PDB file of N, CA and C in Angstrom:
ATOM      1  N   MET A   1       0.049   8.104  -4.445  1.00  0.00           N
ATOM      2  CA  MET A   1      -0.635   6.757  -3.831  1.00  0.00           C
ATOM      3  C   MET A   1      -0.419   5.941  -5.039  1.00  0.00           C
ATOM      4  N   LEU A   2       0.357   4.662  -4.459  1.00  0.00           N
ATOM      5  CA  LEU A   2       0.367   3.591  -5.413  1.00  0.00           C
ATOM      6  C   LEU A   2      -0.462   2.521  -4.827  1.00  0.00           C
ATOM      7  N   LEU A   3      -1.540   2.186  -5.708  1.00  0.00           N
ATOM      8  CA  LEU A   3      -2.518   1.055  -5.167  1.00  0.00           C
ATOM      9  C   LEU A   3      -2.242  -0.106  -6.105  1.00  0.00           C
ATOM     10  N   ILE A   4      -1.896  -1.339  -5.278  1.00  0.00           N
ATOM     11  CA  ILE A   4      -1.625  -2.549  -6.093  1.00  0.00           C
ATOM     12  C   ILE A   4      -2.664  -3.490  -5.611  1.00  0.00           C
ATOM     13  N   THR A   5      -3.892  -3.736  -6.767  1.00  0.00           N
ATOM     14  CA  THR A   5      -4.736  -4.514  -6.513  1.00  0.00           C
ATOM     15  C   THR A   5      -5.416  -4.825  -7.781  1.00  0.00           C
ATOM     16  N   LYS A   6      -6.191  -5.959  -7.839  1.00  0.00           N
ATOM     17  CA  LYS A   6      -7.051  -6.469  -8.976  1.00  0.00           C
ATOM     18  C   LYS A   6      -8.260  -5.915  -8.879  1.00  0.00           C
ATOM     19  N   ARG A   7      -8.660  -5.299  -7.702  1.00  0.00           N
ATOM     20  CA  ARG A   7     -10.084  -5.114  -7.460  1.00  0.00           C
ATOM     21  C   ARG A   7     -10.294  -3.511  -7.645  1.00  0.00           C
ATOM     22  N   ARG A   8     -11.188  -3.259  -8.632  1.00  0.00           N
ATOM     23  CA  ARG A   8     -11.406  -1.924  -9.025  1.00  0.00           C
ATOM     24  C   ARG A   8     -12.108  -0.993  -7.822  1.00  0.00           C
ATOM     25  N   TRP A   9     -12.992  -1.785  -7.103  1.00  0.00           N
ATOM     26  CA  TRP A   9     -13.887  -1.113  -5.941  1.00  0.00           C
ATOM     27  C   TRP A   9     -12.994  -0.447  -4.904  1.00  0.00           C
ATOM     28  N   ILE A  10     -11.639  -0.949  -4.857  1.00  0.00           N
ATOM     29  CA  ILE A  10     -10.674  -0.367  -3.654  1.00  0.00           C
ATOM     30  C   ILE A  10     -10.304   1.001  -4.217  1.00  0.00           C
ATOM     31  N   GLY A  11      -9.908   1.179  -5.477  1.00  0.00           N
ATOM     32  CA  GLY A  11      -9.566   2.211  -6.002  1.00  0.00           C
ATOM     33  C   GLY A  11     -10.837   3.520  -6.030  1.00  0.00           C
ATOM     34  N   ALA A  12     -11.909   2.919  -6.270  1.00  0.00           N
ATOM     35  CA  ALA A  12     -13.176   3.790  -6.297  1.00  0.00           C
ATOM     36  C   ALA A  12     -13.412   4.310  -4.893  1.00  0.00           C
ATOM     37  N   LEU A  13     -13.208   3.279  -3.903  1.00  0.00           N
ATOM     38  CA  LEU A  13     -13.464   3.755  -2.523  1.00  0.00           C
ATOM     39  C   LEU A  13     -12.566   4.891  -2.268  1.00  0.00           C
ATOM     40  N   PHE A  14     -11.193   4.910  -2.497  1.00  0.00           N
ATOM     41  CA  PHE A  14     -10.299   5.900  -2.069  1.00  0.00           C
ATOM     42  C   PHE A  14     -10.711   7.153  -2.963  1.00  0.00           C
ATOM     43  N   ARG A  15     -11.026   7.163  -4.250  1.00  0.00           N
ATOM     44  CA  ARG A  15     -11.234   8.223  -4.878  1.00  0.00           C
ATOM     45  C   ARG A  15     -12.304   9.000  -4.413  1.00  0.00           C
ATOM     46  N   HIS A  16     -13.439   8.102  -4.041  1.00  0.00           N
ATOM     47  CA  HIS A  16     -14.744   8.774  -3.602  1.00  0.00           C
ATOM     48  C   HIS A  16     -14.552   9.365  -2.048  1.00  0.00           C
ATOM     49  N   ASN A  17     -13.947   8.880  -1.384  1.00  0.00           N
ATOM     50  CA  ASN A  17     -13.845   9.076  -0.015  1.00  0.00           C
ATOM     51  C   ASN A  17     -12.536  10.101   0.665  1.00  0.00           C
ATOM     52  N   VAL A  18     -11.437   9.799  -0.049  1.00  0.00           N
ATOM     53  CA  VAL A  18     -10.301  10.611   0.483  1.00  0.00           C
ATOM     54  C   VAL A  18      -9.843  11.659  -0.511  1.00  0.00           C
ATOM     55  N   SER A  19     -10.304  12.870  -0.020  1.00  0.00           N
ATOM     56  CA  SER A  19     -10.153  14.071  -0.978  1.00  0.00           C
ATOM     57  C   SER A  19      -8.669  14.437  -0.990  1.00  0.00           C
ATOM     58  N   ALA A  20      -7.681  13.745  -0.145  1.00  0.00           N
ATOM     59  CA  ALA A  20      -6.403  14.313  -0.216  1.00  0.00           C
ATOM     60  C   ALA A  20      -5.469  13.411  -1.229  1.00  0.00           C
ATOM     61  N   VAL A  21      -6.249  12.505  -1.785  1.00  0.00           N
ATOM     62  CA  VAL A  21      -5.397  11.685  -2.771  1.00  0.00           C
ATOM     63  C   VAL A  21      -5.593  12.401  -4.128  1.00  0.00           C
ATOM     64  N   SER A  22      -4.709  13.105  -4.401  1.00  0.00           N
ATOM     65  CA  SER A  22      -4.594  13.939  -5.673  1.00  0.00           C
ATOM     66  C   SER A  22      -4.188  13.217  -6.950  1.00  0.00           C
ATOM     67  N   LYS A  23      -3.314  12.183  -6.753  1.00  0.00           N
ATOM     68  CA  LYS A  23      -3.018  11.192  -7.790  1.00  0.00           C
ATOM     69  C   LYS A  23      -2.893   9.856  -7.203  1.00  0.00           C
ATOM     70  N   MET A  24      -3.527   9.073  -7.879  1.00  0.00           N
ATOM     71  CA  MET A  24      -3.552   7.673  -7.505  1.00  0.00           C
ATOM     72  C   MET A  24      -3.186   6.714  -8.778  1.00  0.00           C
ATOM     73  N   THR A  25      -2.109   5.927  -8.792  1.00  0.00           N
ATOM     74  CA  THR A  25      -1.854   4.970  -9.834  1.00  0.00           C
ATOM     75  C   THR A  25      -2.272   3.606  -9.191  1.00  0.00           C
ATOM     76  N   THR A  26      -3.134   2.953 -10.042  1.00  0.00           N
ATOM     77  CA  THR A  26      -3.676   1.630  -9.733  1.00  0.00           C
ATOM     78  C   THR A  26      -2.950   0.807 -10.644  1.00  0.00           C
ATOM     79  N   ILE A  27      -2.473  -0.377  -9.991  1.00  0.00           N
ATOM     80  CA  ILE A  27      -1.793  -1.421 -10.751  1.00  0.00           C
ATOM     81  C   ILE A  27      -2.157  -2.835 -10.625  1.00  0.00           C
ATOM     82  N   LYS A  28      -2.360  -3.541 -11.744  1.00  0.00           N
ATOM     83  CA  LYS A  28      -2.818  -4.807 -11.473  1.00  0.00           C
ATOM     84  C   LYS A  28      -1.924  -5.984 -12.030  1.00  0.00           C
ATOM     85  N   SER A  29      -0.732  -5.656 -12.598  1.00  0.00           N
ATOM     86  CA  SER A  29       0.130  -6.661 -12.950  1.00  0.00           C
ATOM     87  C   SER A  29       1.587  -6.464 -12.377  1.00  0.00           C
ATOM     88  N   ALA A  30       2.244  -7.450 -12.360  1.00  0.00           N
ATOM     89  CA  ALA A  30       3.701  -7.642 -11.777  1.00  0.00           C
ATOM     90  C   ALA A  30       4.534  -6.777 -12.429  1.00  0.00           C
ATOM     91  N   ARG A  31       4.480  -6.830 -13.769  1.00  0.00           N
ATOM     92  CA  ARG A  31       5.192  -5.972 -14.644  1.00  0.00           C
ATOM     93  C   ARG A  31       5.184  -4.598 -14.318  1.00  0.00           C
ATOM     94  N   GLN A  32       3.985  -4.056 -14.168  1.00  0.00           N
ATOM     95  CA  GLN A  32       3.767  -2.785 -13.747  1.00  0.00           C
ATOM     96  C   GLN A  32       4.253  -2.067 -12.596  1.00  0.00           C
ATOM     97  N   VAL A  33       4.482  -3.014 -11.598  1.00  0.00           N
ATOM     98  CA  VAL A  33       4.775  -2.599 -10.193  1.00  0.00           C
ATOM     99  C   VAL A  33       6.164  -2.036 -10.046  1.00  0.00           C
ATOM    100  N   ILE A  34       7.058  -2.808 -10.669  1.00  0.00           N
ATOM    101  CA  ILE A  34       8.527  -2.454 -10.583  1.00  0.00           C
ATOM    102  C   ILE A  34       8.546  -1.105 -11.541  1.00  0.00           C
ATOM    103  N   ASP A  35       7.990  -0.915 -12.626  1.00  0.00           N
ATOM    104  CA  ASP A  35       8.103   0.123 -13.546  1.00  0.00           C
ATOM    105  C   ASP A  35       7.506   1.374 -12.858  1.00  0.00           C
ATOM    106  N   ALA A  36       6.418   1.182 -12.151  1.00  0.00           N
ATOM    107  CA  ALA A  36       5.755   2.420 -11.381  1.00  0.00           C
ATOM    108  C   ALA A  36       6.646   2.794 -10.190  1.00  0.00           C
ATOM    109  N   LEU A  37       7.196   1.840  -9.428  1.00  0.00           N
ATOM    110  CA  LEU A  37       8.098   2.073  -8.322  1.00  0.00           C
ATOM    111  C   LEU A  37       9.311   2.853  -8.905  1.00  0.00           C
ATOM    112  N   ASN A  38       9.975   2.562 -10.005  1.00  0.00           N
ATOM    113  CA  ASN A  38      11.209   3.151 -10.512  1.00  0.00           C
ATOM    114  C   ASN A  38      10.875   4.563 -11.105  1.00  0.00           C
ATOM    115  N   ALA A  39       9.568   4.756 -11.659  1.00  0.00           N
ATOM    116  CA  ALA A  39       9.373   6.001 -12.398  1.00  0.00           C
ATOM    117  C   ALA A  39       8.818   7.053 -11.388  1.00  0.00           C
ATOM    118  N   GLU A  40       7.894   6.345 -10.435  1.00  0.00           N
ATOM    119  CA  GLU A  40       7.272   7.438  -9.539  1.00  0.00           C
ATOM    120  C   GLU A  40       7.675   7.417  -8.163  1.00  0.00           C
ATOM    121  N   GLY A  41       8.678   6.592  -7.825  1.00  0.00           N
ATOM    122  CA  GLY A  41       9.122   6.498  -6.303  1.00  0.00           C
ATOM    123  C   GLY A  41       9.241   7.649  -5.530  1.00  0.00           C
ATOM    124  N   SER A  42       9.879   8.786  -6.081  1.00  0.00           N
ATOM    125  CA  SER A  42       9.967   9.924  -5.304  1.00  0.00           C
ATOM    126  C   SER A  42       8.660  10.710  -5.027  1.00  0.00           C
ATOM    127  N   ASP A  43       7.622  10.437  -5.844  1.00  0.00           N
ATOM    128  CA  ASP A  43       6.252  11.206  -5.772  1.00  0.00           C
ATOM    129  C   ASP A  43       5.360  10.194  -5.025  1.00  0.00           C
ATOM    130  N   ILE A  44       5.605   9.190  -4.646  1.00  0.00           N
ATOM    131  CA  ILE A  44       4.837   8.084  -3.948  1.00  0.00           C
ATOM    132  C   ILE A  44       4.681   8.389  -2.534  1.00  0.00           C
ATOM    133  N   ASP A  45       3.568   8.842  -1.848  1.00  0.00           N
ATOM    134  CA  ASP A  45       3.402   8.996  -0.527  1.00  0.00           C
ATOM    135  C   ASP A  45       3.124   7.814   0.240  1.00  0.00           C
ATOM    136  N   ILE A  46       2.266   6.919  -0.262  1.00  0.00           N
ATOM    137  CA  ILE A  46       1.727   5.724   0.346  1.00  0.00           C
ATOM    138  C   ILE A  46       1.689   4.626  -0.673  1.00  0.00           C
ATOM    139  N   ILE A  47       2.046   3.436  -0.320  1.00  0.00           N
ATOM    140  CA  ILE A  47       1.636   2.126  -1.082  1.00  0.00           C
ATOM    141  C   ILE A  47       0.559   1.301  -0.279  1.00  0.00           C
ATOM    142  N   LEU A  48      -0.391   0.953  -0.914  1.00  0.00           N
ATOM    143  CA  LEU A  48      -1.488   0.208  -0.395  1.00  0.00           C
ATOM    144  C   LEU A  48      -1.387  -1.073  -1.366  1.00  0.00           C
ATOM    145  N   THR A  49      -1.115  -2.337  -0.795  1.00  0.00           N
ATOM    146  CA  THR A  49      -1.047  -3.324  -1.461  1.00  0.00           C
ATOM    147  C   THR A  49      -1.747  -4.628  -0.965  1.00  0.00           C
ATOM    148  N   GLU A  50      -2.016  -5.639  -1.622  1.00  0.00           N
ATOM    149  CA  GLU A  50      -2.529  -6.663  -1.287  1.00  0.00           C
ATOM    150  C   GLU A  50      -1.488  -7.846  -0.789  1.00  0.00           C
ATOM    151  N   VAL A  51      -1.759  -8.519   0.194  1.00  0.00           N
ATOM    152  CA  VAL A  51      -0.639  -9.670   0.572  1.00  0.00           C
ATOM    153  C   VAL A  51      -0.882 -10.692  -0.641  1.00  0.00           C
ATOM    154  N   ASP A  52      -2.039 -11.129  -0.893  1.00  0.00           N
ATOM    155  CA  ASP A  52      -2.301 -12.204  -1.860  1.00  0.00           C
ATOM    156  C   ASP A  52      -2.523 -11.558  -3.413  1.00  0.00           C
ATOM    157  N   LEU A  53      -1.295 -11.283  -3.745  1.00  0.00           N
ATOM    158  CA  LEU A  53      -1.512 -10.895  -5.342  1.00  0.00           C
ATOM    159  C   LEU A  53      -1.092 -12.173  -6.166  1.00  0.00           C
ATOM    160  N   SER A  54      -1.917 -12.226  -7.213  1.00  0.00           N
ATOM    161  CA  SER A  54      -1.778 -13.385  -8.162  1.00  0.00           C
ATOM    162  C   SER A  54      -0.449 -13.494  -8.889  1.00  0.00           C
ATOM    163  N   MET A  55       0.063 -12.389  -9.451  1.00  0.00           N
ATOM    164  CA  MET A  55       1.234 -12.432 -10.114  1.00  0.00           C
ATOM    165  C   MET A  55       2.433 -11.995  -9.405  1.00  0.00           C
ATOM    166  N   THR A  56       2.369 -11.036  -8.481  1.00  0.00           N
ATOM    167  CA  THR A  56       3.510 -10.899  -7.516  1.00  0.00           C
ATOM    168  C   THR A  56       2.936 -11.246  -6.047  1.00  0.00           C
ATOM    169  N   LYS A  57       3.868 -11.827  -5.427  1.00  0.00           N
ATOM    170  CA  LYS A  57       3.495 -11.857  -4.062  1.00  0.00           C
ATOM    171  C   LYS A  57       3.671 -10.624  -3.302  1.00  0.00           C
ATOM    172  N   GLY A  58       2.763 -10.285  -2.422  1.00  0.00           N
ATOM    173  CA  GLY A  58       2.949  -9.217  -1.515  1.00  0.00           C
ATOM    174  C   GLY A  58       3.981  -9.087  -0.645  1.00  0.00           C
ATOM    175  N   MET A  59       4.474 -10.324  -0.160  1.00  0.00           N
ATOM    176  CA  MET A  59       5.540 -10.261   0.835  1.00  0.00           C
ATOM    177  C   MET A  59       6.798 -10.073   0.051  1.00  0.00           C
ATOM    178  N   LYS A  60       7.044 -10.509  -1.120  1.00  0.00           N
ATOM    179  CA  LYS A  60       8.173 -10.274  -2.078  1.00  0.00           C
ATOM    180  C   LYS A  60       8.318  -8.853  -2.342  1.00  0.00           C
ATOM    181  N   LEU A  61       7.138  -8.117  -2.688  1.00  0.00           N
ATOM    182  CA  LEU A  61       7.048  -6.828  -3.070  1.00  0.00           C
ATOM    183  C   LEU A  61       7.472  -5.915  -1.809  1.00  0.00           C
ATOM    184  N   LEU A  62       6.883  -6.302  -0.596  1.00  0.00           N
ATOM    185  CA  LEU A  62       7.253  -5.580   0.559  1.00  0.00           C
ATOM    186  C   LEU A  62       9.018  -5.684   0.729  1.00  0.00           C
ATOM    187  N   LYS A  63       9.436  -6.716   0.607  1.00  0.00           N
ATOM    188  CA  LYS A  63      10.844  -6.949   0.736  1.00  0.00           C
ATOM    189  C   LYS A  63      11.755  -6.047  -0.131  1.00  0.00           C
ATOM    190  N   TYR A  64      11.274  -6.118  -1.398  1.00  0.00           N
ATOM    191  CA  TYR A  64      11.713  -5.524  -2.463  1.00  0.00           C
ATOM    192  C   TYR A  64      11.840  -3.749  -2.015  1.00  0.00           C
ATOM    193  N   ILE A  65      10.690  -3.403  -1.660  1.00  0.00           N
ATOM    194  CA  ILE A  65      10.676  -2.011  -1.267  1.00  0.00           C
ATOM    195  C   ILE A  65      11.687  -1.756   0.111  1.00  0.00           C
ATOM    196  N   MET A  66      11.540  -2.462   1.012  1.00  0.00           N
ATOM    197  CA  MET A  66      12.345  -2.373   2.167  1.00  0.00           C
ATOM    198  C   MET A  66      13.851  -2.513   1.836  1.00  0.00           C
ATOM    199  N   ARG A  67      14.191  -3.133   0.840  1.00  0.00           N
ATOM    200  CA  ARG A  67      15.652  -3.170   0.510  1.00  0.00           C
ATOM    201  C   ARG A  67      16.150  -1.957  -0.270  1.00  0.00           C
ATOM    202  N   ASN A  68      15.475  -1.321  -0.781  1.00  0.00           N
ATOM    203  CA  ASN A  68      15.724  -0.097  -1.519  1.00  0.00           C
ATOM    204  C   ASN A  68      15.632   1.229  -0.755  1.00  0.00           C
ATOM    205  N   ASN A  69      16.834   1.863  -0.572  1.00  0.00           N
ATOM    206  CA  ASN A  69      17.110   2.967   0.137  1.00  0.00           C
ATOM    207  C   ASN A  69      16.055   4.058  -0.230  1.00  0.00           C
ATOM    208  N   GLU A  70      15.818   4.240  -1.395  1.00  0.00           N
ATOM    209  CA  GLU A  70      14.769   5.376  -1.715  1.00  0.00           C
ATOM    210  C   GLU A  70      13.379   4.944  -1.443  1.00  0.00           C
ATOM    211  N   LEU A  71      12.911   3.731  -1.881  1.00  0.00           N
ATOM    212  CA  LEU A  71      11.649   3.268  -1.625  1.00  0.00           C
ATOM    213  C   LEU A  71      11.215   3.037  -0.068  1.00  0.00           C
ATOM    214  N   ARG A  72      12.148   2.710   0.524  1.00  0.00           N
ATOM    215  CA  ARG A  72      11.644   2.382   2.040  1.00  0.00           C
ATOM    216  C   ARG A  72      11.309   3.440   2.751  1.00  0.00           C
ATOM    217  N   ARG A  73      11.501   4.605   2.474  1.00  0.00           N
ATOM    218  CA  ARG A  73      10.808   5.768   3.123  1.00  0.00           C
ATOM    219  C   ARG A  73       9.307   5.829   3.097  1.00  0.00           C
ATOM    220  N   ILE A  74       8.726   5.207   2.050  1.00  0.00           N
ATOM    221  CA  ILE A  74       7.346   5.264   1.689  1.00  0.00           C
ATOM    222  C   ILE A  74       6.630   4.216   2.571  1.00  0.00           C
ATOM    223  N   PRO A  75       5.552   4.663   3.278  1.00  0.00           N
ATOM    224  CA  PRO A  75       4.791   3.790   4.074  1.00  0.00           C
ATOM    225  C   PRO A  75       4.170   2.783   3.410  1.00  0.00           C
ATOM    226  N   VAL A  76       4.173   1.353   3.683  1.00  0.00           N
ATOM    227  CA  VAL A  76       3.500   0.326   2.830  1.00  0.00           C
ATOM    228  C   VAL A  76       2.432  -0.142   3.709  1.00  0.00           C
ATOM    229  N   ILE A  77       1.138  -0.289   3.239  1.00  0.00           N
ATOM    230  CA  ILE A  77       0.218  -0.679   4.066  1.00  0.00           C
ATOM    231  C   ILE A  77      -0.370  -1.845   3.381  1.00  0.00           C
ATOM    232  N   MET A  78      -0.299  -2.992   4.074  1.00  0.00           N
ATOM    233  CA  MET A  78      -0.709  -4.503   3.322  1.00  0.00           C
ATOM    234  C   MET A  78      -2.120  -4.581   3.652  1.00  0.00           C
ATOM    235  N   MET A  79      -2.768  -5.151   2.895  1.00  0.00           N
ATOM    236  CA  MET A  79      -4.248  -5.717   3.066  1.00  0.00           C
ATOM    237  C   MET A  79      -4.512  -7.215   2.605  1.00  0.00           C
ATOM    238  N   SER A  80      -5.352  -7.700   3.220  1.00  0.00           N
ATOM    239  CA  SER A  80      -5.828  -9.009   2.871  1.00  0.00           C
ATOM    240  C   SER A  80      -7.075  -9.587   3.658  1.00  0.00           C
ATOM    241  N   ALA A  81      -7.754 -10.403   3.150  1.00  0.00           N
ATOM    242  CA  ALA A  81      -9.023 -11.025   3.758  1.00  0.00           C
ATOM    243  C   ALA A  81      -8.446 -12.107   4.929  1.00  0.00           C
ATOM    244  N   GLN A  82      -7.082 -12.410   4.995  1.00  0.00           N
ATOM    245  CA  GLN A  82      -6.701 -13.224   6.035  1.00  0.00           C
ATOM    246  C   GLN A  82      -6.434 -12.465   7.267  1.00  0.00           C
ATOM    247  N   ASP A  83      -6.938 -12.854   8.223  1.00  0.00           N
ATOM    248  CA  ASP A  83      -6.710 -12.228   9.596  1.00  0.00           C
ATOM    249  C   ASP A  83      -5.614 -13.073  10.433  1.00  0.00           C
ATOM    250  N   ASP A  84      -4.832 -13.945   9.896  1.00  0.00           N
ATOM    251  CA  ASP A  84      -4.023 -14.712  10.625  1.00  0.00           C
ATOM    252  C   ASP A  84      -3.046 -13.905  11.258  1.00  0.00           C
ATOM    253  N   VAL A  85      -2.733 -14.001  12.570  1.00  0.00           N
ATOM    254  CA  VAL A  85      -1.855 -13.144  13.309  1.00  0.00           C
ATOM    255  C   VAL A  85      -0.449 -13.396  12.812  1.00  0.00           C
ATOM    256  N   SER A  86      -0.124 -14.524  12.444  1.00  0.00           N
ATOM    257  CA  SER A  86       1.369 -14.850  12.106  1.00  0.00           C
ATOM    258  C   SER A  86       1.631 -14.109  10.566  1.00  0.00           C
ATOM    259  N   ILE A  87       0.506 -13.923   9.727  1.00  0.00           N
ATOM    260  CA  ILE A  87       0.759 -13.298   8.544  1.00  0.00           C
ATOM    261  C   ILE A  87       0.879 -11.633   8.995  1.00  0.00           C
ATOM    262  N   VAL A  88      -0.016 -11.068   9.612  1.00  0.00           N
ATOM    263  CA  VAL A  88       0.177  -9.678  10.279  1.00  0.00           C
ATOM    264  C   VAL A  88       1.528  -9.461  10.814  1.00  0.00           C
ATOM    265  N   VAL A  89       1.908 -10.327  11.716  1.00  0.00           N
ATOM    266  CA  VAL A  89       3.270 -10.096  12.352  1.00  0.00           C
ATOM    267  C   VAL A  89       4.437 -10.204  11.264  1.00  0.00           C
ATOM    268  N   LYS A  90       4.401 -11.107  10.266  1.00  0.00           N
ATOM    269  CA  LYS A  90       5.256 -11.301   9.403  1.00  0.00           C
ATOM    270  C   LYS A  90       5.513  -9.898   8.454  1.00  0.00           C
ATOM    271  N   CYS A  91       4.524  -9.402   8.112  1.00  0.00           N
ATOM    272  CA  CYS A  91       4.244  -8.156   7.468  1.00  0.00           C
ATOM    273  C   CYS A  91       4.888  -7.004   8.174  1.00  0.00           C
ATOM    274  N   LEU A  92       4.532  -6.932   9.419  1.00  0.00           N
ATOM    275  CA  LEU A  92       4.945  -5.865  10.165  1.00  0.00           C
ATOM    276  C   LEU A  92       6.478  -5.864  10.290  1.00  0.00           C
ATOM    277  N   ARG A  93       6.954  -7.055  10.579  1.00  0.00           N
ATOM    278  CA  ARG A  93       8.420  -7.378  10.763  1.00  0.00           C
ATOM    279  C   ARG A  93       9.228  -7.007   9.543  1.00  0.00           C
ATOM    280  N   LEU A  94       8.513  -7.158   8.408  1.00  0.00           N
ATOM    281  CA  LEU A  94       9.318  -7.126   7.083  1.00  0.00           C
ATOM    282  C   LEU A  94       9.283  -5.572   6.859  1.00  0.00           C
ATOM    283  N   GLY A  95       8.514  -4.822   7.596  1.00  0.00           N
ATOM    284  CA  GLY A  95       8.469  -3.297   7.480  1.00  0.00           C
ATOM    285  C   GLY A  95       7.271  -2.680   7.034  1.00  0.00           C
ATOM    286  N   ALA A  96       6.265  -3.372   6.922  1.00  0.00           N
ATOM    287  CA  ALA A  96       4.942  -2.792   6.614  1.00  0.00           C
ATOM    288  C   ALA A  96       4.463  -1.800   7.708  1.00  0.00           C
ATOM    289  N   ALA A  97       3.888  -0.618   7.175  1.00  0.00           N
ATOM    290  CA  ALA A  97       3.363   0.471   8.446  1.00  0.00           C
ATOM    291  C   ALA A  97       2.092   0.084   9.032  1.00  0.00           C
ATOM    292  N   ASP A  98       1.481  -0.824   8.429  1.00  0.00           N
ATOM    293  CA  ASP A  98       0.067  -1.306   8.881  1.00  0.00           C
ATOM    294  C   ASP A  98      -0.410  -2.549   8.135  1.00  0.00           C
ATOM    295  N   TYR A  99      -1.498  -3.004   8.616  1.00  0.00           N
ATOM    296  CA  TYR A  99      -2.133  -4.156   7.936  1.00  0.00           C
ATOM    297  C   TYR A  99      -3.605  -3.945   7.983  1.00  0.00           C
ATOM    298  N   LEU A 100      -4.321  -4.022   6.904  1.00  0.00           N
ATOM    299  CA  LEU A 100      -5.747  -3.770   7.026  1.00  0.00           C
ATOM    300  C   LEU A 100      -6.438  -5.283   6.649  1.00  0.00           C
ATOM    301  N   VAL A 101      -7.525  -5.617   7.414  1.00  0.00           N
ATOM    302  CA  VAL A 101      -8.105  -6.956   7.136  1.00  0.00           C
ATOM    303  C   VAL A 101      -9.235  -6.540   6.479  1.00  0.00           C
ATOM    304  N   LYS A 102      -9.650  -7.002   5.103  1.00  0.00           N
ATOM    305  CA  LYS A 102     -10.826  -6.825   4.360  1.00  0.00           C
ATOM    306  C   LYS A 102     -11.857  -7.697   4.841  1.00  0.00           C
ATOM    307  N   PRO A 103     -13.122  -7.278   4.778  1.00  0.00           N
ATOM    308  CA  PRO A 103     -13.487  -6.102   4.062  1.00  0.00           C
ATOM    309  C   PRO A 103     -13.225  -4.831   4.625  1.00  0.00           C
ATOM    310  N   LEU A 104     -12.672  -3.961   3.836  1.00  0.00           N
ATOM    311  CA  LEU A 104     -12.198  -2.561   4.235  1.00  0.00           C
ATOM    312  C   LEU A 104     -13.386  -1.776   4.538  1.00  0.00           C
ATOM    313  N   ARG A 105     -13.213  -1.112   5.751  1.00  0.00           N
ATOM    314  CA  ARG A 105     -14.364  -0.392   6.425  1.00  0.00           C
ATOM    315  C   ARG A 105     -13.924   1.149   6.025  1.00  0.00           C
ATOM    316  N   THR A 106     -14.735   1.887   5.463  1.00  0.00           N
ATOM    317  CA  THR A 106     -14.571   3.231   4.918  1.00  0.00           C
ATOM    318  C   THR A 106     -13.758   4.224   6.043  1.00  0.00           C
ATOM    319  N   ASN A 107     -14.426   4.112   7.152  1.00  0.00           N
ATOM    320  CA  ASN A 107     -13.848   4.903   8.202  1.00  0.00           C
ATOM    321  C   ASN A 107     -12.314   4.568   8.752  1.00  0.00           C
ATOM    322  N   GLU A 108     -12.163   3.259   8.726  1.00  0.00           N
ATOM    323  CA  GLU A 108     -10.639   2.819   9.028  1.00  0.00           C
ATOM    324  C   GLU A 108      -9.888   3.255   7.977  1.00  0.00           C
ATOM    325  N   LEU A 109     -10.397   3.001   6.699  1.00  0.00           N
ATOM    326  CA  LEU A 109      -9.275   3.412   5.620  1.00  0.00           C
ATOM    327  C   LEU A 109      -9.250   4.861   5.738  1.00  0.00           C
ATOM    328  N   LEU A 110      -9.923   5.760   5.917  1.00  0.00           N
ATOM    329  CA  LEU A 110      -9.725   7.230   6.002  1.00  0.00           C
ATOM    330  C   LEU A 110      -8.999   7.593   7.134  1.00  0.00           C
ATOM    331  N   ASN A 111      -9.106   6.936   8.375  1.00  0.00           N
ATOM    332  CA  ASN A 111      -8.229   7.432   9.558  1.00  0.00           C
ATOM    333  C   ASN A 111      -6.859   6.894   9.127  1.00  0.00           C
ATOM    334  N   LEU A 112      -6.851   5.737   8.613  1.00  0.00           N
ATOM    335  CA  LEU A 112      -5.391   5.260   8.328  1.00  0.00           C
ATOM    336  C   LEU A 112      -4.690   6.218   7.305  1.00  0.00           C
ATOM    337  N   TRP A 113      -5.464   6.428   6.333  1.00  0.00           N
ATOM    338  CA  TRP A 113      -4.946   7.387   5.164  1.00  0.00           C
ATOM    339  C   TRP A 113      -4.325   8.642   5.703  1.00  0.00           C
ATOM    340  N   THR A 114      -5.218   9.256   6.556  1.00  0.00           N
ATOM    341  CA  THR A 114      -4.795  10.590   7.160  1.00  0.00           C
ATOM    342  C   THR A 114      -3.647  10.462   8.073  1.00  0.00           C
ATOM    343  N   HIS A 115      -3.566   9.533   8.772  1.00  0.00           N
ATOM    344  CA  HIS A 115      -2.361   9.223   9.794  1.00  0.00           C
ATOM    345  C   HIS A 115      -1.241   8.971   8.982  1.00  0.00           C
ATOM    346  N   MET A 116      -1.135   8.320   7.931  1.00  0.00           N
ATOM    347  CA  MET A 116      -0.048   7.907   7.216  1.00  0.00           C
ATOM    348  C   MET A 116       0.368   9.050   6.436  1.00  0.00           C
ATOM    349  N   TRP A 117      -0.516   9.759   5.715  1.00  0.00           N
ATOM    350  CA  TRP A 117      -0.302  10.892   4.878  1.00  0.00           C
ATOM    351  C   TRP A 117       0.463  12.050   5.657  1.00  0.00           C
ATOM    352  N   ARG A 118      -0.031  12.390   6.848  1.00  0.00           N
ATOM    353  CA  ARG A 118       0.522  13.338   7.928  1.00  0.00           C
ATOM    354  C   ARG A 118       1.853  12.912   8.284  1.00  0.00           C
ATOM    355  N   ARG A 119       2.063  11.735   8.619  1.00  0.00           N
ATOM    356  CA  ARG A 119       3.324  11.281   9.090  1.00  0.00           C
ATOM    357  C   ARG A 119       4.429  11.254   7.955  1.00  0.00           C
ATOM    358  N   ARG A 120       3.931  10.929   6.726  1.00  0.00           N
ATOM    359  CA  ARG A 120       4.789  11.136   5.593  1.00  0.00           C
ATOM    360  C   ARG A 120       5.257  12.480   5.423  1.00  0.00           C
ATOM    361  N   ARG A 121       4.245  13.294   5.455  1.00  0.00           N
ATOM    362  CA  ARG A 121       4.461  14.861   5.157  1.00  0.00           C
ATOM    363  C   ARG A 121       5.488  15.245   6.347  1.00  0.00           C
ATOM    364  N   GLU A 122       5.469  14.856   7.484  1.00  0.00           N
ATOM    365  CA  GLU A 122       6.192  15.482   8.589  1.00  0.00           C
ATOM    366  C   GLU A 122       7.583  15.019   8.533  1.00  0.00           C
ATOM    367  N   HIS A 123       7.840  13.649   8.094  1.00  0.00           N
ATOM    368  CA  HIS A 123       9.159  12.976   8.020  1.00  0.00           C
ATOM    369  C   HIS A 123       9.833  13.167   6.658  1.00  0.00           C
ATOM    370  N   GLY A 124       9.055  13.684   5.723  1.00  0.00           N
ATOM    371  CA  GLY A 124       9.637  13.989   4.402  1.00  0.00           C
ATOM    372  C   GLY A 124       9.961  12.773   3.789  1.00  0.00           C
TER     373      GLY A 124
END
């Protein structure tokens, strides 16, 4: 799992509640995102990223991932405190697998993780 966020508590929430997450890479800066995608792309099952990243824009990151033939197979879940329908629709049209509105609820996160992880495993 590749987690792109400035907030440590999101990573802690996953580590504490999702036993299927055996490896999680947490990234906070723009420079690390591309490096991690290039280095770990084939090993990443799910990408969870914020729409409102300060150094990298979440939409630009989503576009980058969807343009790359190897990376586009990885489900990307966008998250934001913004629940504006136009932003949600834009993310989904750009290829996001889902969109979470913060604050994140543990049960919602667990259900989504389970669904995406199973889907990823079934479709390789």
